[in-house]
Protein backbone atom coordinates (compact mmCIF):
# COMPACT_ATOMS: atom_id res chain seq x y z
CA MET A 1 -1.78 -8.92 28.08
CA THR A 2 -0.63 -9.29 31.89
CA GLN A 3 -0.09 -12.51 33.17
CA VAL A 4 -0.30 -13.23 36.58
CA ALA A 5 1.34 -16.35 38.23
CA SER A 6 3.81 -18.74 37.29
CA GLY A 7 2.09 -21.85 36.26
CA ILE A 8 0.04 -20.01 33.99
CA GLU A 9 2.57 -17.81 32.86
CA SER A 10 4.46 -20.59 31.47
CA THR A 11 1.31 -22.38 29.66
CA THR A 12 0.21 -19.33 28.30
CA GLY A 13 3.93 -18.36 26.78
CA ALA A 14 4.18 -21.63 25.51
CA ARG A 15 0.69 -21.13 23.54
CA ARG A 16 1.39 -17.49 22.26
CA SER A 17 4.61 -18.65 20.81
CA GLY A 18 2.84 -21.71 18.84
CA ILE A 19 0.16 -19.34 17.34
CA ARG A 20 3.41 -16.80 16.52
CA ARG A 21 4.85 -20.02 14.88
CA LEU A 22 1.74 -20.90 13.23
CA ARG A 23 1.09 -17.08 12.06
CA ASN A 24 4.60 -16.42 11.15
CA PHE A 25 4.52 -20.02 9.23
CA HIS A 26 0.79 -18.78 7.43
CA SER A 27 2.49 -15.64 6.02
CA GLN A 28 5.21 -16.87 4.75
CA VAL A 29 3.20 -18.99 2.60
CA ILE A 30 0.88 -16.60 1.52
CA TRP A 31 3.68 -14.49 0.60
CA ALA A 32 5.42 -16.64 -1.39
CA LEU A 33 2.79 -17.74 -3.12
CA GLY A 34 1.04 -14.32 -3.89
CA THR A 35 4.21 -13.00 -5.18
CA GLY A 36 5.04 -16.14 -7.01
CA ILE A 37 1.44 -15.63 -8.41
CA VAL A 38 1.25 -11.51 -9.23
CA SER A 39 5.23 -11.79 -10.81
CA GLY A 40 4.13 -14.65 -13.50
CA THR A 41 5.97 -17.74 -11.76
CA TYR A 42 2.49 -19.54 -11.51
CA ALA A 43 0.15 -18.15 -14.68
CA GLU A 44 -2.75 -17.12 -14.86
CA GLY A 45 -5.00 -20.40 -15.32
CA GLN A 46 -2.03 -22.85 -14.21
CA LEU A 47 -2.56 -24.93 -11.04
CA LEU A 48 -0.42 -24.52 -8.01
CA PRO A 49 1.16 -27.35 -6.44
CA GLY A 50 -0.75 -30.27 -4.94
CA ASP A 51 -1.58 -29.82 -0.98
CA ALA A 52 1.57 -32.82 -0.58
CA ASP A 53 3.90 -30.45 -2.47
CA LEU A 54 3.16 -27.41 -1.17
CA ILE A 55 3.70 -29.13 2.14
CA GLU A 56 6.87 -30.26 1.80
CA GLN A 57 8.07 -26.97 -0.32
CA PHE A 58 8.05 -24.91 2.90
CA GLY A 59 7.70 -27.72 5.28
CA VAL A 60 4.51 -26.61 7.14
CA SER A 61 1.33 -28.68 8.16
CA ARG A 62 -1.81 -29.30 5.85
CA THR A 63 -3.18 -26.91 8.05
CA VAL A 64 -1.57 -23.82 7.18
CA VAL A 65 -0.92 -24.49 3.70
CA ARG A 66 -4.77 -24.89 3.29
CA GLU A 67 -5.50 -21.53 5.58
CA ALA A 68 -3.06 -19.97 3.38
CA LEU A 69 -5.23 -21.20 0.08
CA LYS A 70 -8.17 -19.39 1.87
CA THR A 71 -6.24 -16.18 2.25
CA LEU A 72 -5.23 -15.91 -1.16
CA ALA A 73 -8.72 -16.98 -2.80
CA ALA A 74 -10.46 -14.32 -0.67
CA LYS A 75 -8.09 -11.89 -2.28
CA GLY A 76 -9.62 -13.39 -5.71
CA LEU A 77 -6.03 -14.78 -6.71
CA ILE A 78 -6.81 -18.46 -6.83
CA GLU A 79 -9.70 -20.90 -6.68
CA ALA A 80 -10.05 -24.13 -5.41
CA LYS A 81 -12.04 -26.97 -7.46
CA ALA A 82 -12.75 -30.51 -6.12
CA ARG A 83 -11.28 -33.31 -8.26
CA VAL A 84 -9.42 -30.39 -10.25
CA GLY A 85 -7.16 -28.26 -8.07
CA THR A 86 -6.46 -24.67 -7.13
CA ARG A 87 -5.94 -23.09 -10.67
CA VAL A 88 -4.81 -19.08 -10.61
CA LEU A 89 -7.54 -16.72 -11.15
CA PRO A 90 -7.67 -14.19 -14.27
CA ARG A 91 -5.78 -10.61 -13.07
CA ALA A 92 -9.29 -9.13 -13.86
CA SER A 93 -10.52 -11.24 -11.00
CA TRP A 94 -7.95 -9.70 -8.18
CA ASN A 95 -8.34 -7.45 -5.73
CA MET A 96 -6.36 -4.91 -6.22
CA PHE A 97 -7.28 -2.41 -3.47
CA ASP A 98 -5.96 -5.56 -1.31
CA SER A 99 -2.89 -4.16 -0.01
CA ASP A 100 -1.24 -7.41 -0.21
CA VAL A 101 -1.61 -7.70 -3.66
CA LEU A 102 -0.83 -3.95 -3.78
CA ILE A 103 2.51 -4.60 -2.28
CA TRP A 104 3.25 -7.71 -3.91
CA HIS A 105 3.72 -5.96 -7.34
CA LEU A 106 6.21 -4.11 -5.71
CA GLU A 107 8.21 -7.32 -5.70
CA GLY A 108 11.10 -6.82 -7.93
CA GLY A 109 10.86 -3.58 -8.78
CA PRO A 110 7.23 -1.93 -9.83
CA ALA A 111 6.55 -1.99 -13.69
CA PRO A 112 5.88 1.07 -15.38
CA GLU A 113 2.25 -0.12 -16.56
CA PHE A 114 1.78 -0.49 -12.53
CA VAL A 115 3.19 2.86 -11.82
CA VAL A 116 0.69 4.34 -14.03
CA SER A 117 -2.14 2.50 -13.19
CA LEU A 118 -1.85 3.85 -9.64
CA GLY A 119 -1.29 7.20 -10.58
CA GLU A 120 -4.59 7.27 -12.79
CA VAL A 121 -6.36 5.67 -9.86
CA ARG A 122 -5.20 8.42 -7.51
CA MET A 123 -6.25 11.08 -10.35
CA ALA A 124 -9.39 9.73 -10.19
CA VAL A 125 -10.15 9.98 -6.39
CA GLU A 126 -7.64 12.00 -4.19
CA PRO A 127 -8.97 15.40 -5.80
CA GLU A 128 -11.92 15.09 -5.22
CA ALA A 129 -11.22 14.03 -1.34
CA ALA A 130 -8.94 17.64 -1.20
CA ALA A 131 -12.09 19.26 -2.16
CA LEU A 132 -14.25 17.15 0.37
CA ALA A 133 -12.03 18.06 2.35
CA ALA A 134 -12.00 21.45 2.05
CA VAL A 135 -16.13 21.40 2.66
CA ARG A 136 -15.57 19.20 6.01
CA ARG A 137 -12.51 19.46 8.06
CA THR A 138 -12.16 20.53 11.66
CA GLN A 139 -9.76 23.05 12.63
CA GLU A 140 -7.14 19.99 14.15
CA GLN A 141 -7.59 18.92 10.74
CA ALA A 142 -6.32 21.61 8.49
CA ASP A 143 -3.38 22.20 11.57
CA MET A 144 -2.32 18.37 11.03
CA LEU A 145 -1.97 19.33 7.28
CA HIS A 146 -0.09 22.44 8.13
CA HIS A 147 2.26 19.93 10.31
CA TRP A 148 3.17 17.48 7.80
CA VAL A 149 3.99 20.20 5.17
CA THR A 150 6.18 22.15 7.35
CA MET A 151 7.66 18.57 7.79
CA MET A 152 8.06 17.62 4.46
CA ALA A 153 9.94 21.16 4.04
CA HIS A 154 12.34 20.19 6.92
CA PRO A 155 16.34 19.90 5.67
CA GLY A 156 18.28 17.29 6.28
CA GLN A 157 15.76 14.79 6.57
CA SER A 158 16.21 11.20 5.18
CA ALA A 159 13.99 9.85 2.08
CA ASP A 160 12.31 7.64 4.58
CA GLU A 161 11.27 10.55 6.59
CA PHE A 162 9.83 12.36 3.99
CA ALA A 163 7.74 9.35 3.01
CA PHE A 164 6.33 9.20 5.83
CA HIS A 165 5.44 12.62 6.39
CA ASP A 166 4.01 12.50 2.72
CA LEU A 167 1.95 9.20 3.37
CA GLU A 168 0.65 11.29 6.85
CA PHE A 169 -0.05 14.45 4.78
CA HIS A 170 -2.70 12.14 2.56
CA ARG A 171 -4.21 10.11 5.25
CA VAL A 172 -5.08 13.61 6.93
CA VAL A 173 -6.78 14.46 3.73
CA ALA A 174 -8.61 11.34 3.06
CA GLU A 175 -9.67 11.88 6.90
CA ALA A 176 -10.52 15.43 6.31
CA SER A 177 -12.62 14.65 3.13
CA GLY A 178 -15.42 12.72 6.11
CA ASN A 179 -16.26 9.76 3.18
CA PRO A 180 -15.09 6.22 4.42
CA PHE A 181 -14.81 5.34 1.56
CA MET A 182 -12.11 7.94 0.53
CA VAL A 183 -10.51 6.08 3.94
CA SER A 184 -10.17 2.90 3.01
CA LEU A 185 -8.94 3.60 -0.26
CA SER A 186 -5.56 4.32 1.80
CA ALA A 187 -4.02 1.50 0.51
CA VAL A 188 -3.72 2.30 -2.84
CA VAL A 189 -1.84 5.84 -1.67
CA ASP A 190 0.13 3.90 0.79
CA VAL A 191 1.40 1.59 -2.54
CA ALA A 192 1.75 4.61 -4.94
CA LEU A 193 3.27 6.74 -3.04
CA THR A 194 5.85 3.89 -1.90
CA ALA A 195 6.38 2.89 -5.58
CA THR A 196 7.38 6.39 -6.14
CA PHE A 197 9.63 6.69 -3.32
CA THR A 198 11.67 3.82 -4.35
CA LEU A 199 12.10 4.68 -7.75
CA SER A 200 12.89 8.59 -7.23
CA SER A 201 12.34 10.59 -4.04
CA PRO A 202 12.31 14.13 -4.03
CA VAL A 203 14.66 14.59 -0.97
CA GLU A 204 17.52 13.61 -3.87
CA GLY A 205 16.73 16.92 -5.54
CA GLY A 206 16.65 20.54 -4.05
CA GLU A 207 14.30 21.46 -7.12
CA ALA A 208 12.08 18.87 -6.99
CA LEU A 209 11.57 19.06 -3.26
CA GLU A 210 11.00 22.48 -3.35
CA GLN A 211 8.29 21.58 -5.93
CA ALA A 212 6.17 19.03 -3.98
CA VAL A 213 6.66 20.54 -0.27
CA ARG A 214 4.98 23.93 -2.95
CA PHE A 215 1.90 21.54 -3.79
CA HIS A 216 1.52 20.06 -0.76
CA ARG A 217 1.00 23.21 0.86
CA GLY A 218 -1.32 24.22 -2.03
CA ILE A 219 -3.26 21.43 -0.59
CA ALA A 220 -3.09 22.10 2.75
CA GLU A 221 -3.80 26.08 2.41
CA SER A 222 -6.72 25.37 0.12
CA ILE A 223 -8.20 22.89 2.75
CA ALA A 224 -7.89 25.79 4.97
CA GLU A 225 -9.46 28.09 3.46
CA ARG A 226 -12.33 26.16 2.40
CA GLU A 227 -11.69 26.36 -1.08
CA PRO A 228 -12.77 23.00 -2.86
CA GLU A 229 -11.42 23.63 -6.55
CA SER A 230 -7.90 25.06 -5.53
CA ALA A 231 -7.49 22.01 -3.28
CA ARG A 232 -8.35 19.70 -6.41
CA VAL A 233 -5.78 21.91 -8.37
CA TYR A 234 -3.20 21.32 -6.23
CA MET A 235 -3.83 17.43 -5.66
CA ARG A 236 -3.78 16.39 -9.02
CA ARG A 237 0.17 18.48 -9.75
CA ALA A 238 1.09 16.76 -6.20
CA ILE A 239 0.25 13.53 -7.93
CA GLN A 240 1.33 14.15 -11.22
CA SER A 241 4.57 15.42 -10.21
CA GLY A 242 5.45 12.36 -8.50
CA LEU A 243 3.76 10.30 -11.68
CA ASP A 244 6.52 12.21 -13.77
CA ARG A 245 9.51 11.48 -10.99
CA SER A 246 8.93 7.64 -11.11
CA MET A 247 8.41 7.40 -14.64
CA ASN A 248 11.55 9.09 -15.39
CA ALA A 249 13.47 7.21 -12.86
CA LEU A 250 12.30 4.10 -14.65
CA ARG A 251 13.28 5.34 -18.28
CA ARG A 252 16.81 6.05 -17.14
CA ALA A 253 17.10 2.54 -15.66
CA THR A 254 16.50 1.05 -18.74
CA ARG A 255 18.84 3.33 -21.54
């Protein structure tokens, strides 16, 4: 927003600075407590430290602490009760489709069970999204899928660049499905792909890269040709190949 006068500029700038600091403090407390809960530092059923202890621990105001706790409660991680305190809820209560909760599971490296669970969710959702896209896609969406496949096949790219191109490809598939719930599940796909590339990127090996590109090209061509079943098959292959790379990397790391 443009500031149009020096006096207003000074006041507005100070106010914005304060809001940014408040938001940063709020985010820091949420992140610290959220990762602590997901990692088991704060176990299920355990009471969190009281407000006074959290204020001292993080060096923030009571308002920041309480807003952070409200945010974590909204994500299903904690529950506050009068005269009892704030307790960590069982994992079954957590909103596992929340992007923060998913990302917190990646802190310190993804666990094999988490990687498998992400793969299972993707297998349940993305092949059907691809099939719907084959029926409902626009020409522009079909063209965009081919564009991202071309970018994935580009030689000399970094692992981060490939991951970005892969993610954009899957976002277009979700949008082309025409189903808003498929689009809302993009956070799961985002984190699943992040976990996959954290463990093993296909750009590290020529054969793995060729396979990833081949499967994604198959998805793009099936959607462009309006072939739902073929789109399902290629999507399953793409997901499984990424899951296999991740699990192989985890097995090598534990030897």
